[in-house]
Amino acid sequence: MIIERTVIADIPKVEKIYSEARAYQFQQSGYGWPVFSKSFIEKEITEKRHFKVLDKDDEMAGVFSIVKAEPIIWNDKDGKEAIYLHRMAIRNRYRGKNIAKKVVDWAMIEAWKNKKKFIRIDTWANNKALTGYYQKLGFEWVGKRQLPPQSDLPEHYNNIEVNLFEIRL
């Protein structure tokens, strides 16, 4: 598996991966991500924060994005603390092939190179399956946070409670 930055030409494939992940989320928990607009995905790509995971045949197995500062969710306004993983989506046919672990390993290297202390991730507080999965990946649950009704975060974060996880480097 190879991790590299997503490019604008990848957007149709990214949208399909998010659509598949959204369907899986609804099947598993009854709720899921909203449809991310093309402009939302494009912004993450142009800001060099969106990545793809490629298999040995250069097929996209999954995608994810990162941010280097999380002032609202984690009170890390200066971005000195961690690398934050967001919107990790794995195609159904790659489930069980340790794609998420490869993303976490990649994030650990990136965090170390950038002198960060943590890798952090969040999920809906009532998503027990994902909470357990993140813990199996090595993340430690560090608490919950109620997010404000309106903020600079993407809209799907408005007024939800999230579980917070981190791996200390």
Protein backbone atom coordinates (compact mmCIF):
# COMPACT_ATOMS: atom_id res chain seq x y z
CA MET A 1 0.00 0.00 0.00
CA ILE A 2 1.16 3.48 -0.88
CA ILE A 3 -0.13 6.75 0.58
CA GLU A 4 0.08 9.87 -1.53
CA ARG A 5 -1.70 13.18 -1.92
CA THR A 6 -4.98 13.16 -3.76
CA VAL A 7 -5.17 15.26 -6.93
CA ILE A 8 -8.14 17.09 -8.44
CA ALA A 9 -8.58 14.40 -11.11
CA ASP A 10 -9.24 11.90 -8.27
CA ILE A 11 -12.40 13.68 -7.08
CA PRO A 12 -14.91 11.35 -8.84
CA LYS A 13 -13.24 8.31 -7.23
CA VAL A 14 -13.09 10.08 -3.86
CA GLU A 15 -16.81 10.86 -4.09
CA LYS A 16 -17.54 7.17 -4.78
CA ILE A 17 -15.44 6.09 -1.79
CA TYR A 18 -17.25 8.56 0.48
CA SER A 19 -20.61 7.38 -0.89
CA GLU A 20 -19.73 3.75 -0.18
CA ALA A 21 -18.47 4.66 3.31
CA ARG A 22 -21.61 6.69 4.02
CA ALA A 23 -23.82 3.73 3.08
CA TYR A 24 -21.75 1.47 5.34
CA GLN A 25 -22.05 3.98 8.21
CA PHE A 26 -25.84 4.09 7.88
CA GLN A 27 -25.99 0.30 7.69
CA GLN A 28 -23.87 -0.09 10.84
CA SER A 29 -25.21 2.72 13.01
CA GLY A 30 -28.22 4.40 11.42
CA TYR A 31 -26.36 7.66 10.80
CA GLY A 32 -23.43 8.80 8.72
CA TRP A 33 -21.58 11.60 7.04
CA PRO A 34 -23.40 14.06 4.83
CA VAL A 35 -22.62 14.19 1.13
CA PHE A 36 -19.40 16.19 0.88
CA SER A 37 -19.54 18.78 -1.87
CA LYS A 38 -17.02 18.71 -4.69
CA SER A 39 -15.77 22.12 -3.51
CA PHE A 40 -15.23 20.76 0.03
CA ILE A 41 -13.10 17.89 -1.29
CA GLU A 42 -11.31 20.17 -3.74
CA LYS A 43 -10.40 22.58 -0.93
CA GLU A 44 -8.78 19.79 1.10
CA ILE A 45 -6.87 18.68 -2.00
CA THR A 46 -5.62 22.16 -2.90
CA GLU A 47 -4.60 22.70 0.73
CA LYS A 48 -2.55 19.46 0.44
CA ARG A 49 -4.48 17.84 3.30
CA HIS A 50 -6.26 15.04 1.43
CA PHE A 51 -4.64 11.66 0.81
CA LYS A 52 -5.36 8.39 -0.95
CA VAL A 53 -4.25 4.88 -0.11
CA LEU A 54 -3.33 2.90 -3.21
CA ASP A 55 -3.05 -0.86 -3.52
CA LYS A 56 -0.33 -2.65 -5.52
CA ASP A 57 -2.34 -2.07 -8.72
CA ASP A 58 -2.70 1.68 -8.05
CA GLU A 59 -6.38 1.26 -7.17
CA MET A 60 -7.71 3.58 -4.48
CA ALA A 61 -8.39 1.51 -1.37
CA GLY A 62 -9.29 4.47 0.80
CA VAL A 63 -8.94 8.16 1.52
CA PHE A 64 -8.43 10.42 4.51
CA SER A 65 -7.60 13.99 5.35
CA ILE A 66 -5.50 15.66 7.98
CA VAL A 67 -5.34 18.97 9.77
CA LYS A 68 -2.41 20.26 11.76
CA ALA A 69 -4.38 22.45 14.18
CA GLU A 70 -7.70 21.74 15.92
CA PRO A 71 -8.68 24.77 17.98
CA ILE A 72 -12.34 23.84 18.43
CA ILE A 73 -12.26 20.08 18.99
CA TRP A 74 -8.89 19.80 20.78
CA ASN A 75 -8.01 23.36 21.89
CA ASP A 76 -4.84 23.16 19.78
CA LYS A 77 -5.05 26.49 18.00
CA ASP A 78 -1.35 26.73 17.16
CA GLY A 79 -1.04 23.21 15.77
CA LYS A 80 1.87 22.35 18.04
CA GLU A 81 0.36 19.23 19.55
CA ALA A 82 -0.65 16.70 16.94
CA ILE A 83 -1.63 15.56 13.50
CA TYR A 84 -5.39 15.10 13.32
CA LEU A 85 -6.91 12.40 11.12
CA HIS A 86 -10.34 13.06 9.58
CA ARG A 87 -12.80 11.41 7.22
CA MET A 88 -10.92 8.13 6.87
CA ALA A 89 -12.93 6.03 4.44
CA ILE A 90 -12.00 2.52 3.33
CA ARG A 91 -13.68 0.85 0.37
CA ASN A 92 -15.75 -2.17 1.36
CA ARG A 93 -13.67 -4.65 -0.60
CA TYR A 94 -10.58 -3.58 1.40
CA ARG A 95 -12.14 -4.00 4.84
CA GLY A 96 -10.10 -6.34 7.01
CA LYS A 97 -6.88 -5.63 5.09
CA ASN A 98 -5.40 -3.29 7.74
CA ILE A 99 -5.72 -0.14 5.62
CA ALA A 100 -6.54 2.02 8.67
CA LYS A 101 -3.47 0.65 10.47
CA LYS A 102 -1.33 1.68 7.50
CA VAL A 103 -2.82 5.18 7.70
CA VAL A 104 -2.05 5.35 11.43
CA ASP A 105 1.52 4.15 10.82
CA TRP A 106 1.92 6.82 8.13
CA ALA A 107 0.51 9.47 10.50
CA MET A 108 2.96 8.41 13.21
CA ILE A 109 5.89 8.99 10.85
CA GLU A 110 4.47 12.36 9.73
CA ALA A 111 3.89 13.41 13.33
CA TRP A 112 7.41 12.39 14.32
CA LYS A 113 8.93 14.26 11.34
CA ASN A 114 6.97 17.37 12.32
CA LYS A 115 7.85 17.10 16.02
CA LYS A 116 4.28 16.45 17.13
CA LYS A 117 3.42 14.65 20.37
CA PHE A 118 0.22 12.92 19.27
CA ILE A 119 -1.91 11.53 16.50
CA ARG A 120 -5.54 12.34 17.22
CA ILE A 121 -8.88 11.29 15.84
CA ASP A 122 -12.53 11.71 16.81
CA THR A 123 -15.87 10.08 16.10
CA TRP A 124 -19.50 10.41 17.09
CA ALA A 125 -19.73 9.69 20.80
CA ASN A 126 -22.43 7.05 20.36
CA ASN A 127 -20.56 5.08 17.68
CA LYS A 128 -19.49 2.13 19.85
CA ALA A 129 -18.18 0.04 16.96
CA LEU A 130 -15.83 2.75 15.73
CA THR A 131 -14.78 3.57 19.29
CA GLY A 132 -13.69 -0.05 19.78
CA TYR A 133 -11.99 -0.11 16.39
CA TYR A 134 -9.93 2.98 17.13
CA GLN A 135 -8.83 1.45 20.41
CA LYS A 136 -7.74 -1.72 18.55
CA LEU A 137 -5.65 0.55 16.30
CA GLY A 138 -3.79 1.78 19.38
CA PHE A 139 -5.70 4.97 20.15
CA GLU A 140 -6.47 5.75 23.77
CA TRP A 141 -9.89 7.21 24.57
CA VAL A 142 -9.28 10.54 26.32
CA GLY A 143 -12.79 11.91 26.73
CA LYS A 144 -15.84 13.43 25.11
CA ARG A 145 -16.57 16.91 23.87
CA GLN A 146 -19.85 18.58 22.99
CA LEU A 147 -19.26 20.71 19.91
CA PRO A 148 -20.99 24.05 19.42
CA PRO A 149 -24.07 24.46 17.20
CA GLN A 150 -22.08 26.69 14.82
CA SER A 151 -18.32 26.92 14.28
CA ASP A 152 -15.58 27.04 11.66
CA LEU A 153 -15.65 23.24 11.54
CA PRO A 154 -17.29 21.44 8.60
CA GLU A 155 -21.06 21.49 8.97
CA HIS A 156 -21.36 17.83 9.97
CA TYR A 157 -19.61 18.70 13.26
CA ASN A 158 -22.26 21.18 14.36
CA ASN A 159 -23.87 20.38 17.70
CA ILE A 160 -22.64 16.80 18.10
CA GLU A 161 -20.83 15.04 20.89
CA VAL A 162 -17.58 13.37 19.90
CA ASN A 163 -15.30 10.80 21.48
CA LEU A 164 -11.66 11.90 21.45
CA PHE A 165 -8.75 9.51 20.89
CA GLU A 166 -5.01 9.91 20.73
CA ILE A 167 -1.79 7.99 20.33
CA ARG A 168 1.08 9.52 22.26
CA LEU A 169 4.37 9.38 20.40
